Amino acid sequence: MPAPAHTRPHPAGTRLPWWALALPILAFVALLLLIMNPSDAHAASGDPALAQILERARHLAER
């Protein structure tokens, strides 16, 4: 007869460390900056306002 398996209950309210959220956000922003080229964004979208917003976001990220 097998012995019953004892599992540890998960504590309620477990908090993630700061880097568990910071690293995916940093990776997303880095990839976004790599693919964001204002001339390509302007050509791909027919909307010049979107291209201006993307260019301003790129300039803010470079500072």
PDB file of N, CA and C in Angstrom:
ATOM      1  N   MET A   1       0.842  -1.168   0.000  1.00  0.00           N
ATOM      2  CA  MET A   1       0.000   0.000   0.000  1.00  0.00           C
ATOM      3  C   MET A   1       0.890   1.236   0.000  1.00  0.00           C
ATOM      4  N   PRO A   2       0.724   2.100  -0.987  1.00  0.00           N
ATOM      5  CA  PRO A   2       1.597   3.275  -1.059  1.00  0.00           C
ATOM      6  C   PRO A   2       1.251   4.309   0.014  1.00  0.00           C
ATOM      7  N   ALA A   3       2.252   5.007   0.442  1.00  0.00           N
ATOM      8  CA  ALA A   3       2.056   6.061   1.437  1.00  0.00           C
ATOM      9  C   ALA A   3       1.479   7.292   0.745  1.00  0.00           C
ATOM     10  N   PRO A   4       0.623   8.040   1.438  1.00  0.00           N
ATOM     11  CA  PRO A   4       0.064   9.247   0.816  1.00  0.00           C
ATOM     12  C   PRO A   4       1.157  10.300   0.601  1.00  0.00           C
ATOM     13  N   ALA A   5       1.064  10.975  -0.514  1.00  0.00           N
ATOM     14  CA  ALA A   5       2.044  12.018  -0.825  1.00  0.00           C
ATOM     15  C   ALA A   5       1.680  13.295  -0.080  1.00  0.00           C
ATOM     16  N   HIS A   6       2.678  13.876   0.520  1.00  0.00           N
ATOM     17  CA  HIS A   6       2.463  15.125   1.235  1.00  0.00           C
ATOM     18  C   HIS A   6       2.968  16.271   0.361  1.00  0.00           C
ATOM     19  N   THR A   7       2.097  17.197   0.078  1.00  0.00           N
ATOM     20  CA  THR A   7       2.494  18.368  -0.700  1.00  0.00           C
ATOM     21  C   THR A   7       2.431  19.585   0.198  1.00  0.00           C
ATOM     22  N   ARG A   8       3.349  20.510  -0.044  1.00  0.00           N
ATOM     23  CA  ARG A   8       3.352  21.736   0.741  1.00  0.00           C
ATOM     24  C   ARG A   8       2.329  22.694   0.163  1.00  0.00           C
ATOM     25  N   PRO A   9       1.486  23.257   0.985  1.00  0.00           N
ATOM     26  CA  PRO A   9       0.516  24.242   0.462  1.00  0.00           C
ATOM     27  C   PRO A   9       1.233  25.505   0.026  1.00  0.00           C
ATOM     28  N   HIS A  10       0.723  26.122  -1.025  1.00  0.00           N
ATOM     29  CA  HIS A  10       1.301  27.377  -1.510  1.00  0.00           C
ATOM     30  C   HIS A  10       0.833  28.511  -0.610  1.00  0.00           C
ATOM     31  N   PRO A  11       1.770  29.296  -0.124  1.00  0.00           N
ATOM     32  CA  PRO A  11       1.358  30.409   0.734  1.00  0.00           C
ATOM     33  C   PRO A  11       0.604  31.459  -0.083  1.00  0.00           C
ATOM     34  N   ALA A  12      -0.441  31.961   0.478  1.00  0.00           N
ATOM     35  CA  ALA A  12      -1.222  32.998  -0.196  1.00  0.00           C
ATOM     36  C   ALA A  12      -0.454  34.316  -0.102  1.00  0.00           C
ATOM     37  N   GLY A  13      -0.430  35.055  -1.185  1.00  0.00           N
ATOM     38  CA  GLY A  13       0.235  36.347  -1.171  1.00  0.00           C
ATOM     39  C   GLY A  13       1.718  36.267  -1.459  1.00  0.00           C
ATOM     40  N   THR A  14       2.160  35.277  -2.224  1.00  0.00           N
ATOM     41  CA  THR A  14       3.570  35.195  -2.586  1.00  0.00           C
ATOM     42  C   THR A  14       3.909  36.358  -3.505  1.00  0.00           C
ATOM     43  N   ARG A  15       4.984  37.061  -3.189  1.00  0.00           N
ATOM     44  CA  ARG A  15       5.369  38.239  -3.979  1.00  0.00           C
ATOM     45  C   ARG A  15       6.538  37.894  -4.876  1.00  0.00           C
ATOM     46  N   LEU A  16       6.514  38.452  -6.081  1.00  0.00           N
ATOM     47  CA  LEU A  16       7.602  38.270  -7.028  1.00  0.00           C
ATOM     48  C   LEU A  16       8.718  39.252  -6.708  1.00  0.00           C
ATOM     49  N   PRO A  17       9.964  38.848  -6.960  1.00  0.00           N
ATOM     50  CA  PRO A  17      11.050  39.813  -6.805  1.00  0.00           C
ATOM     51  C   PRO A  17      10.955  40.897  -7.878  1.00  0.00           C
ATOM     52  N   TRP A  18      11.609  42.032  -7.652  1.00  0.00           N
ATOM     53  CA  TRP A  18      11.504  43.175  -8.565  1.00  0.00           C
ATOM     54  C   TRP A  18      11.970  42.822  -9.964  1.00  0.00           C
ATOM     55  N   TRP A  19      12.983  41.961 -10.080  1.00  0.00           N
ATOM     56  CA  TRP A  19      13.528  41.654 -11.398  1.00  0.00           C
ATOM     57  C   TRP A  19      12.630  40.733 -12.202  1.00  0.00           C
ATOM     58  N   ALA A  20      11.677  40.072 -11.561  1.00  0.00           N
ATOM     59  CA  ALA A  20      10.762  39.191 -12.284  1.00  0.00           C
ATOM     60  C   ALA A  20       9.837  39.993 -13.202  1.00  0.00           C
ATOM     61  N   LEU A  21       9.591  41.227 -12.891  1.00  0.00           N
ATOM     62  CA  LEU A  21       8.823  42.107 -13.769  1.00  0.00           C
ATOM     63  C   LEU A  21       9.726  43.017 -14.593  1.00  0.00           C
ATOM     64  N   ALA A  22      10.857  43.422 -14.025  1.00  0.00           N
ATOM     65  CA  ALA A  22      11.732  44.367 -14.718  1.00  0.00           C
ATOM     66  C   ALA A  22      12.399  43.739 -15.945  1.00  0.00           C
ATOM     67  N   LEU A  23      12.824  42.495 -15.860  1.00  0.00           N
ATOM     68  CA  LEU A  23      13.527  41.882 -16.984  1.00  0.00           C
ATOM     69  C   LEU A  23      12.644  41.694 -18.215  1.00  0.00           C
ATOM     70  N   PRO A  24      11.426  41.174 -18.102  1.00  0.00           N
ATOM     71  CA  PRO A  24      10.587  41.093 -19.308  1.00  0.00           C
ATOM     72  C   PRO A  24      10.244  42.459 -19.890  1.00  0.00           C
ATOM     73  N   ILE A  25      10.028  43.444 -19.032  1.00  0.00           N
ATOM     74  CA  ILE A  25       9.729  44.789 -19.529  1.00  0.00           C
ATOM     75  C   ILE A  25      10.945  45.352 -20.250  1.00  0.00           C
ATOM     76  N   LEU A  26      12.125  45.168 -19.686  1.00  0.00           N
ATOM     77  CA  LEU A  26      13.353  45.645 -20.318  1.00  0.00           C
ATOM     78  C   LEU A  26      13.580  44.953 -21.660  1.00  0.00           C
ATOM     79  N   ALA A  27      13.331  43.648 -21.726  1.00  0.00           N
ATOM     80  CA  ALA A  27      13.495  42.920 -22.985  1.00  0.00           C
ATOM     81  C   ALA A  27      12.502  43.405 -24.032  1.00  0.00           C
ATOM     82  N   PHE A  28      11.261  43.657 -23.624  1.00  0.00           N
ATOM     83  CA  PHE A  28      10.256  44.152 -24.565  1.00  0.00           C
ATOM     84  C   PHE A  28      10.644  45.518 -25.111  1.00  0.00           C
ATOM     85  N   VAL A  29      11.087  46.410 -24.242  1.00  0.00           N
ATOM     86  CA  VAL A  29      11.471  47.751 -24.675  1.00  0.00           C
ATOM     87  C   VAL A  29      12.686  47.681 -25.597  1.00  0.00           C
ATOM     88  N   ALA A  30      13.657  46.819 -25.270  1.00  0.00           N
ATOM     89  CA  ALA A  30      14.844  46.692 -26.125  1.00  0.00           C
ATOM     90  C   ALA A  30      14.469  46.178 -27.506  1.00  0.00           C
ATOM     91  N   LEU A  31      13.602  45.169 -27.573  1.00  0.00           N
ATOM     92  CA  LEU A  31      13.175  44.660 -28.881  1.00  0.00           C
ATOM     93  C   LEU A  31      12.363  45.694 -29.644  1.00  0.00           C
ATOM     94  N   LEU A  32      11.540  46.433 -28.944  1.00  0.00           N
ATOM     95  CA  LEU A  32      10.749  47.477 -29.593  1.00  0.00           C
ATOM     96  C   LEU A  32      11.653  48.552 -30.191  1.00  0.00           C
ATOM     97  N   LEU A  33      12.700  48.923 -29.464  1.00  0.00           N
ATOM     98  CA  LEU A  33      13.629  49.926 -29.975  1.00  0.00           C
ATOM     99  C   LEU A  33      14.424  49.402 -31.170  1.00  0.00           C
ATOM    100  N   LEU A  34      14.701  48.098 -31.181  1.00  0.00           N
ATOM    101  CA  LEU A  34      15.437  47.529 -32.304  1.00  0.00           C
ATOM    102  C   LEU A  34      14.614  47.542 -33.591  1.00  0.00           C
ATOM    103  N   ILE A  35      13.328  47.316 -33.474  1.00  0.00           N
ATOM    104  CA  ILE A  35      12.505  47.256 -34.687  1.00  0.00           C
ATOM    105  C   ILE A  35      11.894  48.591 -35.059  1.00  0.00           C
ATOM    106  N   MET A  36      12.023  49.565 -34.181  1.00  0.00           N
ATOM    107  CA  MET A  36      11.355  50.844 -34.429  1.00  0.00           C
ATOM    108  C   MET A  36      12.275  51.790 -35.194  1.00  0.00           C
ATOM    109  N   ASN A  37      12.036  51.888 -36.462  1.00  0.00           N
ATOM    110  CA  ASN A  37      12.772  52.819 -37.315  1.00  0.00           C
ATOM    111  C   ASN A  37      11.740  53.782 -37.883  1.00  0.00           C
ATOM    112  N   PRO A  38      11.831  55.074 -37.619  1.00  0.00           N
ATOM    113  CA  PRO A  38      10.775  56.012 -38.026  1.00  0.00           C
ATOM    114  C   PRO A  38      10.461  55.987 -39.519  1.00  0.00           C
ATOM    115  N   SER A  39      11.451  55.832 -40.369  1.00  0.00           N
ATOM    116  CA  SER A  39      11.166  55.822 -41.806  1.00  0.00           C
ATOM    117  C   SER A  39      10.356  54.595 -42.189  1.00  0.00           C
ATOM    118  N   ASP A  40      10.671  53.442 -41.603  1.00  0.00           N
ATOM    119  CA  ASP A  40       9.898  52.234 -41.878  1.00  0.00           C
ATOM    120  C   ASP A  40       8.493  52.339 -41.291  1.00  0.00           C
ATOM    121  N   ALA A  41       8.380  52.914 -40.116  1.00  0.00           N
ATOM    122  CA  ALA A  41       7.067  53.032 -39.487  1.00  0.00           C
ATOM    123  C   ALA A  41       6.173  53.964 -40.303  1.00  0.00           C
ATOM    124  N   HIS A  42       6.759  55.021 -40.849  1.00  0.00           N
ATOM    125  CA  HIS A  42       5.974  55.954 -41.655  1.00  0.00           C
ATOM    126  C   HIS A  42       5.523  55.293 -42.959  1.00  0.00           C
ATOM    127  N   ALA A  43       6.379  54.488 -43.560  1.00  0.00           N
ATOM    128  CA  ALA A  43       6.027  53.835 -44.823  1.00  0.00           C
ATOM    129  C   ALA A  43       5.025  52.713 -44.597  1.00  0.00           C
ATOM    130  N   ALA A  44       5.124  52.029 -43.486  1.00  0.00           N
ATOM    131  CA  ALA A  44       4.251  50.883 -43.238  1.00  0.00           C
ATOM    132  C   ALA A  44       2.839  51.331 -42.886  1.00  0.00           C
ATOM    133  N   SER A  45       2.728  52.416 -42.153  1.00  0.00           N
ATOM    134  CA  SER A  45       1.398  52.905 -41.787  1.00  0.00           C
ATOM    135  C   SER A  45       1.065  54.071 -42.712  1.00  0.00           C
ATOM    136  N   GLY A  46      -0.129  54.209 -43.086  1.00  0.00           N
ATOM    137  CA  GLY A  46      -0.498  55.335 -43.919  1.00  0.00           C
ATOM    138  C   GLY A  46      -0.721  56.588 -43.100  1.00  0.00           C
ATOM    139  N   ASP A  47      -0.586  56.497 -41.787  1.00  0.00           N
ATOM    140  CA  ASP A  47      -0.926  57.581 -40.877  1.00  0.00           C
ATOM    141  C   ASP A  47       0.325  58.310 -40.398  1.00  0.00           C
ATOM    142  N   PRO A  48       0.555  59.560 -40.817  1.00  0.00           N
ATOM    143  CA  PRO A  48       1.753  60.268 -40.366  1.00  0.00           C
ATOM    144  C   PRO A  48       1.742  60.584 -38.869  1.00  0.00           C
ATOM    145  N   ALA A  49       0.571  60.664 -38.264  1.00  0.00           N
ATOM    146  CA  ALA A  49       0.508  60.942 -36.824  1.00  0.00           C
ATOM    147  C   ALA A  49       1.121  59.787 -36.038  1.00  0.00           C
ATOM    148  N   LEU A  50       0.877  58.560 -36.468  1.00  0.00           N
ATOM    149  CA  LEU A  50       1.454  57.399 -35.792  1.00  0.00           C
ATOM    150  C   LEU A  50       2.974  57.424 -35.918  1.00  0.00           C
ATOM    151  N   ALA A  51       3.481  57.787 -37.081  1.00  0.00           N
ATOM    152  CA  ALA A  51       4.928  57.864 -37.276  1.00  0.00           C
ATOM    153  C   ALA A  51       5.536  58.927 -36.365  1.00  0.00           C
ATOM    154  N   GLN A  52       4.853  60.049 -36.191  1.00  0.00           N
ATOM    155  CA  GLN A  52       5.361  61.103 -35.313  1.00  0.00           C
ATOM    156  C   GLN A  52       5.386  60.640 -33.862  1.00  0.00           C
ATOM    157  N   ILE A  53       4.359  59.929 -33.449  1.00  0.00           N
ATOM    158  CA  ILE A  53       4.319  59.415 -32.074  1.00  0.00           C
ATOM    159  C   ILE A  53       5.456  58.431 -31.847  1.00  0.00           C
ATOM    160  N   LEU A  54       5.667  57.538 -32.816  1.00  0.00           N
ATOM    161  CA  LEU A  54       6.742  56.564 -32.677  1.00  0.00           C
ATOM    162  C   LEU A  54       8.114  57.232 -32.661  1.00  0.00           C
ATOM    163  N   GLU A  55       8.282  58.261 -33.477  1.00  0.00           N
ATOM    164  CA  GLU A  55       9.563  58.968 -33.495  1.00  0.00           C
ATOM    165  C   GLU A  55       9.811  59.695 -32.185  1.00  0.00           C
ATOM    166  N   ARG A  56       8.790  60.309 -31.619  1.00  0.00           N
ATOM    167  CA  ARG A  56       8.953  60.974 -30.317  1.00  0.00           C
ATOM    168  C   ARG A  56       9.277  59.972 -29.220  1.00  0.00           C
ATOM    169  N   ALA A  57       8.636  58.798 -29.250  1.00  0.00           N
ATOM    170  CA  ALA A  57       8.931  57.754 -28.255  1.00  0.00           C
ATOM    171  C   ALA A  57      10.381  57.288 -28.397  1.00  0.00           C
ATOM    172  N   ARG A  58      10.850  57.188 -29.647  1.00  0.00           N
ATOM    173  CA  ARG A  58      12.241  56.776 -29.871  1.00  0.00           C
ATOM    174  C   ARG A  58      13.208  57.820 -29.335  1.00  0.00           C
ATOM    175  N   HIS A  59      12.911  59.102 -29.560  1.00  0.00           N
ATOM    176  CA  HIS A  59      13.779  60.165 -29.057  1.00  0.00           C
ATOM    177  C   HIS A  59      13.793  60.187 -27.528  1.00  0.00           C
ATOM    178  N   LEU A  60      12.658  59.943 -26.921  1.00  0.00           N
ATOM    179  CA  LEU A  60      12.607  59.903 -25.455  1.00  0.00           C
ATOM    180  C   LEU A  60      13.410  58.731 -24.904  1.00  0.00           C
ATOM    181  N   ALA A  61      13.366  57.601 -25.614  1.00  0.00           N
ATOM    182  CA  ALA A  61      14.090  56.420 -25.157  1.00  0.00           C
ATOM    183  C   ALA A  61      15.600  56.591 -25.306  1.00  0.00           C
ATOM    184  N   GLU A  62      16.042  57.412 -26.256  1.00  0.00           N
ATOM    185  CA  GLU A  62      17.467  57.621 -26.464  1.00  0.00           C
ATOM    186  C   GLU A  62      18.087  58.517 -25.402  1.00  0.00           C
ATOM    187  N   ARG A  63      17.294  59.309 -24.734  1.00  0.00           N
ATOM    188  CA  ARG A  63      17.826  60.234 -23.732  1.00  0.00           C
ATOM    189  C   ARG A  63      18.242  59.536 -22.508  1.00  0.00           C
TER     190      ARG A  63
END
